Protein backbone atom coordinates (compact mmCIF):
# COMPACT_ATOMS: atom_id res chain seq x y z
CA MET A 1 129.53 -215.41 -144.54
CA SER A 2 130.17 -212.05 -143.13
CA GLU A 3 130.52 -209.19 -145.50
CA VAL A 4 134.15 -208.47 -144.34
CA GLU A 5 134.73 -212.33 -145.01
CA PHE A 6 133.74 -212.16 -148.58
CA ASN A 7 135.24 -208.95 -149.21
CA ASN A 8 138.77 -210.74 -147.57
CA GLN A 9 138.15 -213.71 -150.00
CA LEU A 10 137.76 -211.59 -152.97
CA ALA A 11 140.78 -209.17 -152.53
CA PRO A 12 144.07 -209.49 -154.18
CA THR A 13 146.61 -211.49 -152.28
CA SER A 14 149.83 -209.79 -150.81
CA GLU A 15 151.61 -211.14 -154.10
CA GLN A 16 149.30 -209.73 -156.83
CA ARG A 17 149.62 -206.33 -154.75
CA GLY A 18 153.43 -206.72 -154.87
CA ALA A 19 153.55 -207.69 -158.49
CA LEU A 20 151.09 -204.70 -159.40
CA LEU A 21 153.95 -202.39 -157.17
CA LEU A 22 156.82 -204.25 -159.31
CA VAL A 23 154.98 -203.36 -162.95
CA VAL A 24 154.39 -199.49 -161.38
CA ALA A 25 157.83 -199.08 -160.37
CA ALA A 26 159.39 -201.12 -163.27
CA LEU A 27 157.23 -198.66 -165.84
CA LEU A 28 158.32 -195.35 -164.30
CA LEU A 29 161.80 -196.43 -163.67
CA LEU A 30 161.50 -197.30 -167.67
CA MET A 31 160.32 -193.88 -168.70
CA GLY A 32 163.14 -192.47 -166.50
CA PHE A 33 165.84 -194.29 -168.00
CA TYR A 34 164.53 -193.23 -171.53
CA ALA A 35 164.68 -189.53 -170.69
CA LEU A 36 167.66 -189.60 -169.39
CA SER A 37 169.12 -191.13 -172.51
CA ASP A 38 168.64 -188.82 -174.31
CA PRO A 39 166.72 -185.74 -172.94
CA GLN A 40 166.98 -183.72 -175.86
CA ARG A 41 164.39 -185.50 -177.81
CA LEU A 42 162.12 -184.91 -174.88
CA ALA A 43 160.92 -181.61 -176.87
CA HIS A 44 159.34 -183.92 -179.23
CA ASP A 45 158.57 -186.74 -177.21
CA PRO A 46 155.26 -188.36 -178.82
CA ALA A 47 153.94 -189.46 -175.29
CA LEU A 48 154.25 -185.92 -173.87
CA GLY A 49 151.92 -184.61 -176.81
CA LEU A 50 149.21 -187.05 -175.99
CA ALA A 51 149.81 -185.67 -172.39
CA ASP A 52 149.22 -182.40 -173.61
CA TYR A 53 146.32 -183.73 -174.72
CA ALA A 54 144.74 -184.84 -171.25
CA GLY A 55 146.25 -181.68 -169.60
CA TYR A 56 144.30 -178.92 -172.49
CA THR A 57 141.24 -180.87 -171.28
CA LEU A 58 141.15 -179.46 -168.00
CA CYS A 59 143.89 -176.76 -167.47
CA HIS A 60 144.45 -173.48 -168.69
CA ARG A 61 148.16 -174.45 -169.32
CA LEU A 62 149.52 -170.82 -169.51
CA THR A 63 152.93 -171.09 -169.95
CA GLY A 64 154.32 -168.80 -167.33
CA HIS A 65 151.84 -171.38 -164.55
CA SER A 66 154.07 -174.14 -165.56
CA PHE A 67 157.45 -176.04 -165.20
CA HIS A 68 158.90 -176.80 -168.12
CA VAL A 69 161.36 -179.93 -169.01
CA ALA A 70 163.89 -179.82 -172.28
CA GLY A 71 162.17 -176.14 -173.22
CA ARG A 72 158.91 -177.34 -173.23
CA GLN A 73 156.52 -177.22 -170.62
CA LEU A 74 154.30 -179.62 -168.87
CA PRO A 75 151.15 -180.93 -169.86
CA LEU A 76 149.38 -178.90 -167.08
CA CYS A 77 150.20 -176.07 -165.07
CA ALA A 78 152.36 -175.77 -161.93
CA ARG A 79 148.69 -175.94 -159.74
CA CYS A 80 146.76 -178.80 -161.89
CA THR A 81 150.47 -180.77 -161.96
CA GLY A 82 150.34 -181.23 -158.06
CA MET A 83 146.71 -181.60 -158.16
CA TYR A 84 146.80 -184.18 -160.42
CA LEU A 85 149.36 -186.31 -159.30
CA GLY A 86 147.64 -186.03 -155.79
CA ILE A 87 144.85 -188.11 -157.29
CA PHE A 88 147.68 -189.99 -158.84
CA ILE A 89 149.21 -191.00 -155.98
CA THR A 90 146.06 -191.69 -153.59
CA PHE A 91 144.51 -193.84 -156.06
CA ILE A 92 147.40 -195.65 -156.50
CA THR A 93 148.65 -196.16 -153.07
CA LEU A 94 145.43 -197.22 -151.88
CA LEU A 95 145.41 -199.91 -154.45
CA LEU A 96 148.39 -201.12 -153.95
CA ALA A 97 147.62 -201.43 -150.16
CA GLY A 98 144.39 -203.79 -150.51
CA ARG A 99 142.10 -200.78 -149.92
CA GLU A 100 139.83 -200.82 -153.68
CA ARG A 101 136.60 -202.10 -151.52
CA ARG A 102 136.99 -199.25 -148.76
CA ALA A 103 134.14 -197.39 -149.38
CA GLU A 104 133.66 -194.82 -146.23
CA PHE A 105 134.49 -191.29 -146.39
CA PRO A 106 137.13 -189.44 -144.26
CA SER A 107 136.33 -188.85 -140.76
CA LEU A 108 135.05 -185.35 -140.14
CA ARG A 109 138.16 -184.25 -138.79
CA LEU A 110 140.13 -185.53 -142.02
CA SER A 111 137.73 -184.08 -144.19
CA LEU A 112 137.85 -180.66 -142.73
CA LEU A 113 141.21 -180.85 -142.78
CA LEU A 114 141.39 -181.69 -146.57
CA LEU A 115 139.04 -179.01 -147.31
CA GLY A 116 140.96 -177.36 -145.90
CA PHE A 117 143.52 -177.65 -148.31
CA VAL A 118 140.97 -177.34 -151.11
CA GLY A 119 140.44 -173.49 -149.43
CA LEU A 120 144.26 -172.95 -149.80
CA MET A 121 144.35 -173.78 -152.76
CA GLY A 122 141.16 -171.00 -154.11
CA ILE A 123 143.27 -168.31 -151.91
CA ASP A 124 146.47 -168.82 -153.58
CA GLY A 125 144.30 -169.09 -157.13
CA LEU A 126 142.49 -166.14 -156.40
CA ASN A 127 145.68 -164.20 -155.77
CA SER A 128 147.14 -165.45 -158.66
CA TYR A 129 144.31 -164.63 -160.87
CA SER A 130 144.47 -161.04 -159.22
CA HIS A 131 147.83 -160.57 -161.05
CA PHE A 132 146.04 -160.38 -164.33
CA PHE A 133 144.65 -157.09 -163.03
CA PRO A 134 147.71 -154.33 -162.76
CA ASP A 135 145.60 -152.36 -160.21
CA ALA A 136 143.58 -155.25 -158.12
CA PRO A 137 144.89 -156.10 -154.60
CA HIS A 138 146.40 -159.15 -154.22
CA LEU A 139 148.39 -160.84 -150.81
CA TYR A 140 151.89 -161.79 -152.37
CA GLU A 141 153.60 -162.46 -155.25
CA PRO A 142 152.44 -165.92 -157.21
CA GLN A 143 154.91 -168.37 -156.87
CA ASN A 144 154.77 -171.91 -159.18
CA TRP A 145 155.75 -173.84 -156.36
CA LEU A 146 152.88 -173.03 -154.46
CA ARG A 147 150.72 -173.40 -156.75
CA LEU A 148 152.13 -176.60 -157.09
CA THR A 149 151.94 -177.24 -153.21
CA THR A 150 148.27 -176.28 -152.65
CA GLY A 151 147.14 -178.33 -155.63
CA MET A 152 148.40 -181.45 -154.17
CA GLY A 153 146.79 -180.72 -151.29
CA THR A 154 144.02 -180.81 -153.26
CA GLY A 155 144.88 -183.54 -155.52
CA LEU A 156 144.85 -185.62 -152.07
CA ALA A 157 141.14 -184.19 -150.81
CA MET A 158 139.91 -185.81 -154.66
CA GLY A 159 141.21 -189.11 -154.26
CA LEU A 160 140.59 -189.80 -150.71
CA PHE A 161 136.68 -188.72 -151.84
CA ALA A 162 136.58 -190.08 -155.13
CA PHE A 163 138.07 -193.53 -154.06
CA PRO A 164 135.07 -194.68 -151.76
CA SER A 165 132.50 -192.95 -154.00
CA LEU A 166 133.30 -195.27 -156.35
CA SER A 167 133.92 -198.41 -154.50
CA GLN A 168 130.12 -197.55 -152.95
CA THR A 169 129.20 -197.39 -156.74
CA LEU A 170 130.98 -199.99 -158.00
CA TRP A 171 130.94 -202.95 -155.68
CA ARG A 172 128.24 -205.54 -154.47
CA ARG A 173 129.18 -205.65 -150.96
CA PRO A 174 131.96 -202.44 -150.56
CA ASP A 175 133.96 -202.57 -147.39
CA TYR A 176 132.24 -199.94 -145.03
CA ARG A 177 135.71 -198.75 -143.32
CA GLN A 178 137.34 -195.48 -144.19
CA THR A 179 140.33 -195.64 -146.73
CA LEU A 180 142.96 -194.33 -144.23
CA THR A 181 142.56 -195.78 -140.90
CA SER A 182 145.24 -193.98 -138.60
CA ARG A 183 146.96 -191.07 -138.07
CA ALA A 184 150.46 -192.88 -139.22
CA GLU A 185 148.70 -193.68 -142.76
CA LEU A 186 147.43 -189.97 -142.88
CA GLY A 187 151.39 -188.91 -142.64
CA GLY A 188 152.83 -191.30 -144.60
CA LEU A 189 150.38 -190.57 -147.66
CA PHE A 190 151.43 -186.66 -146.75
CA LEU A 191 155.15 -187.25 -146.60
CA LEU A 192 154.82 -189.48 -149.85
CA ALA A 193 153.19 -186.41 -151.35
CA ALA A 194 155.81 -184.27 -150.05
CA LEU A 195 158.08 -186.24 -151.48
CA VAL A 196 157.00 -185.68 -155.15
CA VAL A 197 156.39 -182.07 -154.91
CA LEU A 198 160.00 -181.69 -153.83
CA LEU A 199 160.93 -184.07 -157.12
CA VAL A 200 158.96 -181.87 -159.34
CA LEU A 201 160.87 -178.52 -157.71
CA SER A 202 164.50 -180.67 -158.20
CA ASN A 203 163.99 -179.64 -161.93
CA LEU A 204 165.63 -182.65 -162.93
CA GLU A 205 164.70 -183.99 -166.35
CA PRO A 206 164.17 -187.38 -166.46
CA LEU A 207 161.87 -187.11 -162.94
CA LEU A 208 159.90 -184.04 -164.65
CA TYR A 209 159.24 -186.44 -167.61
CA VAL A 210 157.98 -189.18 -165.35
CA LEU A 211 155.91 -186.86 -163.28
CA ALA A 212 154.68 -185.26 -166.68
CA ILE A 213 152.96 -188.35 -167.97
CA THR A 214 151.74 -189.41 -164.57
CA SER A 215 150.01 -186.17 -163.53
CA ALA A 216 148.01 -186.77 -167.27
CA MET A 217 147.51 -190.33 -165.82
CA GLY A 218 145.51 -188.39 -163.23
CA VAL A 219 143.87 -187.00 -165.33
CA VAL A 220 142.33 -189.85 -166.79
CA ILE A 221 141.87 -191.78 -163.30
CA ILE A 222 139.72 -188.88 -161.93
CA LEU A 223 137.55 -188.75 -165.41
CA THR A 224 137.35 -192.37 -165.47
CA VAL A 225 135.91 -192.26 -162.09
CA LEU A 226 133.50 -189.86 -162.50
CA ASN A 227 132.16 -191.35 -165.92
CA THR A 228 132.03 -194.96 -164.14
CA VAL A 229 130.05 -193.61 -160.92
CA MET A 230 127.75 -191.55 -163.39
CA LEU A 231 127.18 -194.71 -165.71
CA LEU A 232 126.31 -197.27 -163.04
CA ILE A 233 124.01 -194.93 -161.78
CA LEU A 234 122.29 -193.89 -164.80
CA THR A 235 121.80 -197.83 -165.77
CA ARG A 236 120.98 -198.84 -162.42
CA ARG A 237 123.71 -200.80 -162.20
CA GLU A 238 125.45 -199.94 -159.32
CA GLY A 239 126.80 -202.52 -156.66
CA LYS A 240 126.55 -205.42 -159.13
CA ALA A 241 130.63 -205.83 -159.64
CA THR A 242 132.00 -208.92 -157.34
CA GLY A 243 135.17 -208.86 -158.39
CA TRP A 244 137.40 -207.35 -160.62
CA ARG A 245 136.47 -209.46 -163.49
CA THR A 246 133.02 -208.14 -163.34
CA ALA A 247 134.67 -204.49 -162.40
CA LEU A 248 136.24 -204.81 -165.62
CA LEU A 249 133.48 -203.96 -168.09
CA PRO A 250 131.63 -200.66 -166.36
CA LEU A 251 135.66 -199.37 -165.70
CA ALA A 252 136.85 -199.74 -169.03
CA ILE A 253 133.25 -198.18 -170.69
CA GLY A 254 134.60 -195.49 -168.34
CA LEU A 255 137.83 -195.12 -169.26
CA ALA A 256 136.46 -195.13 -172.78
CA PHE A 257 133.97 -192.28 -172.17
CA ALA A 258 137.33 -190.51 -170.57
CA LEU A 259 139.26 -190.66 -173.59
CA THR A 260 136.53 -189.31 -175.88
CA GLN A 261 135.93 -186.66 -173.51
CA ILE A 262 139.93 -185.85 -173.85
CA ALA A 263 139.44 -186.00 -177.83
CA VAL A 264 136.58 -183.76 -178.22
CA LEU A 265 137.36 -181.13 -175.60
CA SER A 266 140.50 -180.49 -177.07
CA PHE A 267 139.43 -180.66 -180.61
CA VAL A 268 136.37 -178.19 -179.51
CA ARG A 269 139.31 -175.80 -177.20
CA TYR A 270 141.87 -176.04 -179.89
CA THR A 271 139.54 -174.83 -182.73
CA LEU A 272 138.22 -172.21 -180.77
CA THR A 273 141.35 -170.83 -179.47
CA GLY A 274 143.87 -171.78 -182.41
CA THR A 275 146.57 -172.32 -179.56
CA MET A 276 147.37 -175.81 -177.42
CA THR A 277 149.19 -173.39 -174.64
CA GLY A 278 146.99 -170.72 -172.64
CA PHE A 279 144.48 -168.65 -174.51
CA PRO A 280 144.55 -166.35 -176.95
CA GLY A 281 146.33 -162.66 -175.63
CA LEU A 282 146.82 -164.09 -172.16
CA GLN A 283 150.18 -166.68 -172.19
């Protein structure tokens, strides 16, 4: 049996992918209806509270650099919101498309384009950072929509590089084809990302609530992926999974490590700074 036939035999069926899509859509709709039913309770929403810890682990959470819902800032700053939404979008899209075994990195042309997005975020980040120093030169006035957009581009890049890295390490017979195989697929992913950016900028509280939770899920996803890859390499257990049942254990351990990291790093940071928002004297 060829590797392609082996992979096709173990791949989820179209019905299973359709069911996953329905589950994801239903969860997002339920979160939206929950936020719409009583927007005032979002200020003290427990799910947003948990999402804050995920954001607090990796993001500076400066108030002035963040979007807000119901009078409270989102779990991640504008730039990190875009970044981790981009990761979430990439992973969910590729999984729903049945690309979970694709293990080839993007082409050189696409890689350069993705690295260009990372470079744009770096330029915007340096320009934004320069405003902390009144006499420092800067190119333009920072804007949260720019932070969000450049972060989204970087999130797509991170997702498109992290996804095949996980596939190469996890599966016994990965599918060495690129995750995106045409300009149309790439354009579709970019259009989806642009739509999500517009939804964030709409400032509609139910949409912001859903996107705030999913951005925090992006943090959990990337930490789980990194932990799983490192775990498999360090234990020399890479390339053992033949299906989702055998992949579940390393992924679950990676998730457990991710949640532990979030808890520990949040505790340490709060102990050192005494605040969940920004840093002392820098809000």
